[in-house]
């Protein structure tokens, strides 16, 4: 399946994973031919200007295919649009957001805000989006098993995986423009409580940009909303006059992190 970020598809994916023993999803990059097809069949006719905001390059193996497709098809685009009697020059821009998971969701929200509230053109978005990405704090808690973390950018080796398993520990990751790093180890039985405690601690020192906190969950968000630790996080965010937005983690990210994985992100207010 192609991960198109549809809510119903994502829920079906996690339900299937929960109900099928031994189910082990595998990831593959979108091929250059696939990107070229959607570009020349749809995008160049549906849009005059195309803005592609990519996740962190270490979290997006498809980014290279997108770039190659754009370069390969560039000589053909104007000709195809002329045949379709489209006279406005087609413009496409790719912005690397240096973010991922819940942080990527906030980056997209910020892009829409800039376009809607300040009427920014796609050429004017690059600098503010890259600046915004440097103010992001993104934290990641894998699912119940660390065995999923063998793929880049996590690259958890066999020995480290066994050590986590024997000690009943889980890593907590931090995503920044520099990449993905382990910032803490937590105990598996209390993983969610320790993770939310860490996020709450970091939130205590932050002045929120746009008052938003984003949470992404590999499963049905309704399952995590009833958790007492989650409700405590909600109260802390309310106390900062913030707003919590939740989403279903994409199947491609869930395949890396495992069912039950959680990501939380917020941006610090930037000095004027």
C-alpha atoms as a PDB file:
ATOM      1  CA  UNK A   1       0.000   0.000   0.000  1.00  0.00           C
ATOM      2  CA  UNK A   2       1.049   3.619  -0.524  1.00  0.00           C
ATOM      3  CA  UNK A   3       0.907   5.674   2.648  1.00  0.00           C
ATOM      4  CA  UNK A   4      -1.372   8.542   1.607  1.00  0.00           C
ATOM      5  CA  UNK A   5      -2.076   9.738   5.164  1.00  0.00           C
ATOM      6  CA  UNK A   6      -5.744   8.759   5.092  1.00  0.00           C
ATOM      7  CA  UNK A   7      -7.230   8.365   8.578  1.00  0.00           C
ATOM      8  CA  UNK A   8      -9.308   5.291   7.709  1.00  0.00           C
ATOM      9  CA  UNK A   9      -6.350   3.542   6.035  1.00  0.00           C
ATOM     10  CA  UNK A  10      -4.114   4.239   9.019  1.00  0.00           C
ATOM     11  CA  UNK A  11      -6.666   2.898  11.508  1.00  0.00           C
ATOM     12  CA  UNK A  12      -7.166  -0.229   9.388  1.00  0.00           C
ATOM     13  CA  UNK A  13      -3.393  -0.738   9.269  1.00  0.00           C
ATOM     14  CA  UNK A  14      -3.019  -0.657  13.065  1.00  0.00           C
ATOM     15  CA  UNK A  15      -6.099  -2.824  13.607  1.00  0.00           C
ATOM     16  CA  UNK A  16      -4.732  -5.407  11.180  1.00  0.00           C
ATOM     17  CA  UNK A  17      -1.380  -5.343  12.982  1.00  0.00           C
ATOM     18  CA  UNK A  18      -3.094  -5.902  16.345  1.00  0.00           C
ATOM     19  CA  UNK A  19      -5.168  -8.825  15.018  1.00  0.00           C
ATOM     20  CA  UNK A  20      -2.555 -10.650  12.960  1.00  0.00           C
ATOM     21  CA  UNK A  21       0.155 -12.506  14.882  1.00  0.00           C
ATOM     22  CA  UNK A  22       3.542 -12.338  13.226  1.00  0.00           C
ATOM     23  CA  UNK A  23       2.601  -9.355  11.047  1.00  0.00           C
ATOM     24  CA  UNK A  24       5.824  -7.493  10.194  1.00  0.00           C
ATOM     25  CA  UNK A  25       5.321  -4.552   7.824  1.00  0.00           C
ATOM     26  CA  UNK A  26       8.228  -3.532   5.605  1.00  0.00           C
ATOM     27  CA  UNK A  27       8.989  -0.102   4.198  1.00  0.00           C
ATOM     28  CA  UNK A  28      10.175   0.789   0.723  1.00  0.00           C
ATOM     29  CA  UNK A  29      10.857   4.124  -0.916  1.00  0.00           C
ATOM     30  CA  UNK A  30       8.485   5.500  -3.502  1.00  0.00           C
ATOM     31  CA  UNK A  31      10.184   4.924  -6.853  1.00  0.00           C
ATOM     32  CA  UNK A  32      11.130   7.761  -9.180  1.00  0.00           C
ATOM     33  CA  UNK A  33       8.683   6.400 -11.782  1.00  0.00           C
ATOM     34  CA  UNK A  34       5.841   6.592  -9.255  1.00  0.00           C
ATOM     35  CA  UNK A  35       6.598  10.236  -8.467  1.00  0.00           C
ATOM     36  CA  UNK A  36       6.914  11.082 -12.175  1.00  0.00           C
ATOM     37  CA  UNK A  37       3.509   9.532 -12.857  1.00  0.00           C
ATOM     38  CA  UNK A  38       1.625  11.533 -10.238  1.00  0.00           C
ATOM     39  CA  UNK A  39       3.557  14.653 -11.268  1.00  0.00           C
ATOM     40  CA  UNK A  40       2.705  14.420 -14.981  1.00  0.00           C
ATOM     41  CA  UNK A  41      -0.772  12.880 -14.569  1.00  0.00           C
ATOM     42  CA  UNK A  42      -2.118  15.170 -11.844  1.00  0.00           C
ATOM     43  CA  UNK A  43       0.033  17.772 -10.162  1.00  0.00           C
ATOM     44  CA  UNK A  44       1.024  19.855 -13.194  1.00  0.00           C
ATOM     45  CA  UNK A  45      -2.639  20.119 -14.229  1.00  0.00           C
ATOM     46  CA  UNK A  46      -4.218  20.549 -10.802  1.00  0.00           C
ATOM     47  CA  UNK A  47      -1.826  23.253  -9.582  1.00  0.00           C
ATOM     48  CA  UNK A  48       0.125  26.222 -10.918  1.00  0.00           C
ATOM     49  CA  UNK A  49       2.455  26.363  -7.923  1.00  0.00           C
ATOM     50  CA  UNK A  50       3.517  23.283  -5.968  1.00  0.00           C
ATOM     51  CA  UNK A  51       5.124  23.439  -2.528  1.00  0.00           C
ATOM     52  CA  UNK A  52       6.644  20.218  -1.170  1.00  0.00           C
ATOM     53  CA  UNK A  53       7.577  20.343   2.509  1.00  0.00           C
ATOM     54  CA  UNK A  54       9.695  17.278   3.171  1.00  0.00           C
ATOM     55  CA  UNK A  55      10.234  15.598   6.543  1.00  0.00           C
ATOM     56  CA  UNK A  56      13.736  15.358   7.973  1.00  0.00           C
ATOM     57  CA  UNK A  57      15.940  13.809   5.280  1.00  0.00           C
ATOM     58  CA  UNK A  58      16.865  10.992   7.675  1.00  0.00           C
ATOM     59  CA  UNK A  59      13.169  10.168   8.047  1.00  0.00           C
ATOM     60  CA  UNK A  60      12.205  10.398   4.371  1.00  0.00           C
ATOM     61  CA  UNK A  61      13.740   7.892   1.982  1.00  0.00           C
ATOM     62  CA  UNK A  62      11.387   9.139  -0.746  1.00  0.00           C
ATOM     63  CA  UNK A  63      12.811  12.671  -0.872  1.00  0.00           C
ATOM     64  CA  UNK A  64      15.567  11.665  -3.297  1.00  0.00           C
ATOM     65  CA  UNK A  65      12.992  10.128  -5.653  1.00  0.00           C
ATOM     66  CA  UNK A  66      10.997  13.374  -5.583  1.00  0.00           C
ATOM     67  CA  UNK A  67      14.067  15.420  -6.484  1.00  0.00           C
ATOM     68  CA  UNK A  68      15.069  13.067  -9.300  1.00  0.00           C
ATOM     69  CA  UNK A  69      11.558  13.068 -10.755  1.00  0.00           C
ATOM     70  CA  UNK A  70      11.405  16.864 -10.761  1.00  0.00           C
ATOM     71  CA  UNK A  71      14.766  17.130 -12.533  1.00  0.00           C
ATOM     72  CA  UNK A  72      13.901  14.437 -15.092  1.00  0.00           C
ATOM     73  CA  UNK A  73      10.492  15.849 -15.972  1.00  0.00           C
ATOM     74  CA  UNK A  74      11.404  19.526 -15.875  1.00  0.00           C
ATOM     75  CA  UNK A  75      11.923  19.811 -19.681  1.00  0.00           C
ATOM     76  CA  UNK A  76       8.508  18.207 -20.327  1.00  0.00           C
ATOM     77  CA  UNK A  77       6.339  20.130 -17.881  1.00  0.00           C
ATOM     78  CA  UNK A  78       5.922  23.357 -19.861  1.00  0.00           C
ATOM     79  CA  UNK A  79       5.133  21.417 -23.042  1.00  0.00           C
ATOM     80  CA  UNK A  80       2.496  19.279 -21.313  1.00  0.00           C
ATOM     81  CA  UNK A  81       0.856  22.343 -19.750  1.00  0.00           C
ATOM     82  CA  UNK A  82       0.836  24.192 -23.075  1.00  0.00           C
ATOM     83  CA  UNK A  83      -0.960  21.270 -24.691  1.00  0.00           C
ATOM     84  CA  UNK A  84      -3.526  21.492 -21.884  1.00  0.00           C
ATOM     85  CA  UNK A  85      -3.852  25.263 -22.582  1.00  0.00           C
ATOM     86  CA  UNK A  86      -2.438  26.213 -19.196  1.00  0.00           C
ATOM     87  CA  UNK A  87      -0.539  29.465 -19.646  1.00  0.00           C
ATOM     88  CA  UNK A  88       0.677  30.225 -16.108  1.00  0.00           C
ATOM     89  CA  UNK A  89       4.303  29.074 -15.651  1.00  0.00           C
ATOM     90  CA  UNK A  90       4.468  26.051 -13.370  1.00  0.00           C
ATOM     91  CA  UNK A  91       6.549  26.589 -10.252  1.00  0.00           C
ATOM     92  CA  UNK A  92       7.654  23.956  -7.716  1.00  0.00           C
ATOM     93  CA  UNK A  93       9.687  24.364  -4.548  1.00  0.00           C
ATOM     94  CA  UNK A  94      10.995  21.736  -2.116  1.00  0.00           C
ATOM     95  CA  UNK A  95      11.644  22.767   1.481  1.00  0.00           C
ATOM     96  CA  UNK A  96      13.431  20.399   3.855  1.00  0.00           C
ATOM     97  CA  UNK A  97      11.737  20.975   7.184  1.00  0.00           C
ATOM     98  CA  UNK A  98      14.322  19.171   9.375  1.00  0.00           C
ATOM     99  CA  UNK A  99      11.357  17.832  11.362  1.00  0.00           C
ATOM    100  CA  UNK A 100       9.450  14.595  11.623  1.00  0.00           C
ATOM    101  CA  UNK A 101       6.463  12.836  13.180  1.00  0.00           C
ATOM    102  CA  UNK A 102       4.530  15.238  15.459  1.00  0.00           C
ATOM    103  CA  UNK A 103       7.026  17.979  14.608  1.00  0.00           C
ATOM    104  CA  UNK A 104       6.302  17.557  10.908  1.00  0.00           C
ATOM    105  CA  UNK A 105       2.611  18.093  11.631  1.00  0.00           C
ATOM    106  CA  UNK A 106       3.397  21.388  13.365  1.00  0.00           C
ATOM    107  CA  UNK A 107       5.615  22.422  10.452  1.00  0.00           C
ATOM    108  CA  UNK A 108       2.767  21.881   7.994  1.00  0.00           C
ATOM    109  CA  UNK A 109       0.396  23.794  10.281  1.00  0.00           C
ATOM    110  CA  UNK A 110       2.855  26.706  10.363  1.00  0.00           C
ATOM    111  CA  UNK A 111       3.143  26.694   6.566  1.00  0.00           C
ATOM    112  CA  UNK A 112      -0.643  26.866   6.162  1.00  0.00           C
ATOM    113  CA  UNK A 113      -0.800  29.650   8.758  1.00  0.00           C
ATOM    114  CA  UNK A 114       1.812  31.709   6.923  1.00  0.00           C
ATOM    115  CA  UNK A 115       0.049  31.228   3.605  1.00  0.00           C
ATOM    116  CA  UNK A 116      -3.398  32.009   5.010  1.00  0.00           C
ATOM    117  CA  UNK A 117      -2.651  34.797   7.468  1.00  0.00           C
ATOM    118  CA  UNK A 118       0.225  36.570   5.751  1.00  0.00           C
ATOM    119  CA  UNK A 119      -0.391  35.600   2.111  1.00  0.00           C
ATOM    120  CA  UNK A 120       3.139  34.286   1.710  1.00  0.00           C
ATOM    121  CA  UNK A 121       4.136  32.969  -1.699  1.00  0.00           C
ATOM    122  CA  UNK A 122       5.947  29.648  -1.982  1.00  0.00           C
ATOM    123  CA  UNK A 123       9.201  31.527  -2.595  1.00  0.00           C
ATOM    124  CA  UNK A 124       8.737  33.465   0.646  1.00  0.00           C
ATOM    125  CA  UNK A 125       8.118  30.403   2.809  1.00  0.00           C
ATOM    126  CA  UNK A 126      11.557  28.797   2.799  1.00  0.00           C
ATOM    127  CA  UNK A 127      13.249  31.082   5.316  1.00  0.00           C
ATOM    128  CA  UNK A 128      10.426  31.224   7.928  1.00  0.00           C
ATOM    129  CA  UNK A 129       9.810  27.452   7.726  1.00  0.00           C
ATOM    130  CA  UNK A 130      13.479  26.636   8.215  1.00  0.00           C
ATOM    131  CA  UNK A 131      13.651  29.119  11.090  1.00  0.00           C
ATOM    132  CA  UNK A 132      10.547  27.545  12.644  1.00  0.00           C
ATOM    133  CA  UNK A 133      12.069  24.057  12.404  1.00  0.00           C
ATOM    134  CA  UNK A 134      15.003  25.167  14.547  1.00  0.00           C
ATOM    135  CA  UNK A 135      12.598  26.139  17.341  1.00  0.00           C
ATOM    136  CA  UNK A 136      10.941  22.703  17.386  1.00  0.00           C
ATOM    137  CA  UNK A 137      11.256  20.142  20.165  1.00  0.00           C
ATOM    138  CA  UNK A 138      10.162  16.675  19.000  1.00  0.00           C
ATOM    139  CA  UNK A 139      10.188  13.645  21.292  1.00  0.00           C
ATOM    140  CA  UNK A 140       9.560  10.061  20.266  1.00  0.00           C
ATOM    141  CA  UNK A 141       8.608   7.015  22.347  1.00  0.00           C
ATOM    142  CA  UNK A 142       8.703   3.722  20.404  1.00  0.00           C
ATOM    143  CA  UNK A 143       5.999   1.090  20.697  1.00  0.00           C
ATOM    144  CA  UNK A 144       6.037  -1.757  23.174  1.00  0.00           C
ATOM    145  CA  UNK A 145       8.928  -3.545  21.461  1.00  0.00           C
ATOM    146  CA  UNK A 146      12.326  -2.122  20.552  1.00  0.00           C
ATOM    147  CA  UNK A 147      12.705  -4.824  17.902  1.00  0.00           C
ATOM    148  CA  UNK A 148      11.182  -2.483  15.295  1.00  0.00           C
ATOM    149  CA  UNK A 149      14.014   0.014  15.559  1.00  0.00           C
ATOM    150  CA  UNK A 150      16.480  -1.687  13.207  1.00  0.00           C
ATOM    151  CA  UNK A 151      15.802   0.632  10.260  1.00  0.00           C
ATOM    152  CA  UNK A 152      17.335   4.094   9.706  1.00  0.00           C
ATOM    153  CA  UNK A 153      17.473   6.583  11.257  1.00  0.00           C
ATOM    154  CA  UNK A 154      17.184   4.656  14.518  1.00  0.00           C
ATOM    155  CA  UNK A 155      19.535   1.790  13.544  1.00  0.00           C
ATOM    156  CA  UNK A 156      19.214  -0.079  16.823  1.00  0.00           C
ATOM    157  CA  UNK A 157      21.701  -2.943  16.573  1.00  0.00           C
ATOM    158  CA  UNK A 158      20.983  -6.510  17.650  1.00  0.00           C
ATOM    159  CA  UNK A 159      23.090  -6.249  20.821  1.00  0.00           C
ATOM    160  CA  UNK A 160      21.516  -2.982  21.942  1.00  0.00           C
ATOM    161  CA  UNK A 161      18.075  -4.421  21.201  1.00  0.00           C
ATOM    162  CA  UNK A 162      18.801  -7.439  23.376  1.00  0.00           C
ATOM    163  CA  UNK A 163      20.048  -5.225  26.192  1.00  0.00           C
ATOM    164  CA  UNK A 164      16.886  -3.143  26.086  1.00  0.00           C
ATOM    165  CA  UNK A 165      14.812  -6.343  26.045  1.00  0.00           C
ATOM    166  CA  UNK A 166      16.616  -7.959  29.000  1.00  0.00           C
ATOM    167  CA  UNK A 167      16.529  -4.808  31.096  1.00  0.00           C
ATOM    168  CA  UNK A 168      12.924  -4.093  30.067  1.00  0.00           C
ATOM    169  CA  UNK A 169      13.957  -0.647  28.902  1.00  0.00           C
ATOM    170  CA  UNK A 170      12.982   1.594  25.976  1.00  0.00           C
ATOM    171  CA  UNK A 171      14.841   4.529  24.391  1.00  0.00           C
ATOM    172  CA  UNK A 172      13.296   7.980  24.155  1.00  0.00           C
ATOM    173  CA  UNK A 173      14.414   9.872  21.069  1.00  0.00           C
ATOM    174  CA  UNK A 174      14.797  13.536  20.256  1.00  0.00           C
ATOM    175  CA  UNK A 175      14.585  14.863  16.676  1.00  0.00           C
ATOM    176  CA  UNK A 176      16.491  18.008  15.736  1.00  0.00           C
ATOM    177  CA  UNK A 177      17.996  19.417  12.530  1.00  0.00           C
ATOM    178  CA  UNK A 178      21.134  17.434  13.419  1.00  0.00           C
ATOM    179  CA  UNK A 179      19.281  14.124  13.348  1.00  0.00           C
ATOM    180  CA  UNK A 180      17.841  11.594  15.783  1.00  0.00           C
ATOM    181  CA  UNK A 181      19.461  11.062  19.190  1.00  0.00           C
ATOM    182  CA  UNK A 182      18.624   9.009  22.287  1.00  0.00           C
ATOM    183  CA  UNK A 183      18.090  11.358  25.218  1.00  0.00           C
ATOM    184  CA  UNK A 184      16.858   8.946  27.877  1.00  0.00           C
ATOM    185  CA  UNK A 185      16.148   5.310  28.668  1.00  0.00           C
ATOM    186  CA  UNK A 186      12.846   4.492  30.338  1.00  0.00           C
ATOM    187  CA  UNK A 187      11.450   1.352  31.952  1.00  0.00           C
ATOM    188  CA  UNK A 188       9.094  -0.543  29.683  1.00  0.00           C
ATOM    189  CA  UNK A 189       6.259  -1.006  32.234  1.00  0.00           C
ATOM    190  CA  UNK A 190       6.171   2.760  32.927  1.00  0.00           C
ATOM    191  CA  UNK A 191       7.288   3.947  29.477  1.00  0.00           C
ATOM    192  CA  UNK A 192       4.361   6.267  28.786  1.00  0.00           C
ATOM    193  CA  UNK A 193       4.415   7.834  32.236  1.00  0.00           C
ATOM    194  CA  UNK A 194       8.166   8.506  32.042  1.00  0.00           C
ATOM    195  CA  UNK A 195       7.863   9.856  28.505  1.00  0.00           C
ATOM    196  CA  UNK A 196       5.069  12.284  29.370  1.00  0.00           C
ATOM    197  CA  UNK A 197       7.018  13.321  32.470  1.00  0.00           C
ATOM    198  CA  UNK A 198       9.983  14.240  30.277  1.00  0.00           C
ATOM    199  CA  UNK A 199       7.771  16.164  27.842  1.00  0.00           C
ATOM    200  CA  UNK A 200       6.065  17.996  30.726  1.00  0.00           C
ATOM    201  CA  UNK A 201       9.456  18.977  32.128  1.00  0.00           C
ATOM    202  CA  UNK A 202      10.568  20.394  28.777  1.00  0.00           C
ATOM    203  CA  UNK A 203       7.240  22.172  28.344  1.00  0.00           C
ATOM    204  CA  UNK A 204       7.691  23.875  31.706  1.00  0.00           C
ATOM    205  CA  UNK A 205      10.570  25.940  30.298  1.00  0.00           C
ATOM    206  CA  UNK A 206       8.921  26.758  26.958  1.00  0.00           C
ATOM    207  CA  UNK A 207       6.906  29.718  25.767  1.00  0.00           C
ATOM    208  CA  UNK A 208       4.778  28.091  23.090  1.00  0.00           C
ATOM    209  CA  UNK A 209       4.772  29.325  19.525  1.00  0.00           C
ATOM    210  CA  UNK A 210       1.113  29.640  18.445  1.00  0.00           C
ATOM    211  CA  UNK A 211       0.221  27.889  21.742  1.00  0.00           C
ATOM    212  CA  UNK A 212       0.232  24.522  19.984  1.00  0.00           C
ATOM    213  CA  UNK A 213       1.404  21.102  21.142  1.00  0.00           C
ATOM    214  CA  UNK A 214       1.137  18.205  18.697  1.00  0.00           C
ATOM    215  CA  UNK A 215       0.824  14.530  19.593  1.00  0.00           C
ATOM    216  CA  UNK A 216       0.973  11.676  17.091  1.00  0.00           C
ATOM    217  CA  UNK A 217      -0.044   8.142  18.114  1.00  0.00           C
ATOM    218  CA  UNK A 218       0.458   4.835  16.331  1.00  0.00           C
ATOM    219  CA  UNK A 219      -3.091   3.635  16.876  1.00  0.00           C
ATOM    220  CA  UNK A 220      -6.492   5.104  17.604  1.00  0.00           C
ATOM    221  CA  UNK A 221      -5.995   8.468  19.410  1.00  0.00           C
ATOM    222  CA  UNK A 222      -9.101   7.715  21.470  1.00  0.00           C
ATOM    223  CA  UNK A 223      -7.118   4.976  23.250  1.00  0.00           C
ATOM    224  CA  UNK A 224      -4.506   7.385  24.560  1.00  0.00           C
ATOM    225  CA  UNK A 225      -6.886  10.188  25.504  1.00  0.00           C
ATOM    226  CA  UNK A 226      -8.278   8.099  28.379  1.00  0.00           C
ATOM    227  CA  UNK A 227      -4.789   7.553  29.839  1.00  0.00           C
ATOM    228  CA  UNK A 228      -4.291   9.365  33.169  1.00  0.00           C
ATOM    229  CA  UNK A 229      -0.790  10.557  32.215  1.00  0.00           C
ATOM    230  CA  UNK A 230      -2.136  11.971  28.981  1.00  0.00           C
ATOM    231  CA  UNK A 231      -4.861  13.831  30.865  1.00  0.00           C
ATOM    232  CA  UNK A 232      -2.217  15.273  33.188  1.00  0.00           C
ATOM    233  CA  UNK A 233      -0.285  16.507  30.137  1.00  0.00           C
ATOM    234  CA  UNK A 234      -3.489  18.064  28.816  1.00  0.00           C
ATOM    235  CA  UNK A 235      -3.935  19.972  32.098  1.00  0.00           C
ATOM    236  CA  UNK A 236      -0.349  21.264  31.944  1.00  0.00           C
ATOM    237  CA  UNK A 237      -0.893  22.494  28.391  1.00  0.00           C
ATOM    238  CA  UNK A 238      -4.177  24.136  29.395  1.00  0.00           C
ATOM    239  CA  UNK A 239      -2.301  25.877  32.222  1.00  0.00           C
ATOM    240  CA  UNK A 240      -0.010  27.459  29.634  1.00  0.00           C
ATOM    241  CA  UNK A 241      -3.065  28.589  27.617  1.00  0.00           C
ATOM    242  CA  UNK A 242      -1.977  26.099  24.994  1.00  0.00           C
ATOM    243  CA  UNK A 243      -3.907  23.789  22.724  1.00  0.00           C
ATOM    244  CA  UNK A 244      -3.206  20.088  22.159  1.00  0.00           C
ATOM    245  CA  UNK A 245      -3.820  18.684  18.684  1.00  0.00           C
ATOM    246  CA  UNK A 246      -3.698  14.942  18.104  1.00  0.00           C
ATOM    247  CA  UNK A 247      -3.353  12.790  15.014  1.00  0.00           C
ATOM    248  CA  UNK A 248      -2.853   9.189  13.947  1.00  0.00           C
ATOM    249  CA  UNK A 249       0.776   8.382  13.254  1.00  0.00           C
ATOM    250  CA  UNK A 250       1.281   7.511   9.594  1.00  0.00           C
ATOM    251  CA  UNK A 251       1.623   3.782   8.802  1.00  0.00           C
ATOM    252  CA  UNK A 252       5.109   4.389   7.386  1.00  0.00           C
ATOM    253  CA  UNK A 253       6.247   5.910  10.697  1.00  0.00           C
ATOM    254  CA  UNK A 254       4.359   3.269  12.669  1.00  0.00           C
ATOM    255  CA  UNK A 255       6.134   0.536  10.728  1.00  0.00           C
ATOM    256  CA  UNK A 256       9.436   1.957  11.996  1.00  0.00           C
ATOM    257  CA  UNK A 257       8.405   2.608  15.595  1.00  0.00           C
ATOM    258  CA  UNK A 258       5.815  -0.090  16.282  1.00  0.00           C
ATOM    259  CA  UNK A 259       2.162   0.080  17.374  1.00  0.00           C
ATOM    260  CA  UNK A 260       1.603   2.210  20.440  1.00  0.00           C
ATOM    261  CA  UNK A 261       4.427   4.605  19.566  1.00  0.00           C
ATOM    262  CA  UNK A 262       3.936   8.237  20.590  1.00  0.00           C
ATOM    263  CA  UNK A 263       5.494  11.469  19.385  1.00  0.00           C
ATOM    264  CA  UNK A 264       5.009  14.901  20.966  1.00  0.00           C
ATOM    265  CA  UNK A 265       6.240  18.210  19.572  1.00  0.00           C
ATOM    266  CA  UNK A 266       6.039  21.909  20.333  1.00  0.00           C
ATOM    267  CA  UNK A 267       7.846  25.019  19.145  1.00  0.00           C
ATOM    268  CA  UNK A 268       9.448  27.662  21.334  1.00  0.00           C
ATOM    269  CA  UNK A 269       8.320  31.234  20.784  1.00  0.00           C
ATOM    270  CA  UNK A 270      10.931  32.951  18.636  1.00  0.00           C
ATOM    271  CA  UNK A 271      12.392  36.243  19.752  1.00  0.00           C
ATOM    272  CA  UNK A 272      11.435  39.234  17.596  1.00  0.00           C
END
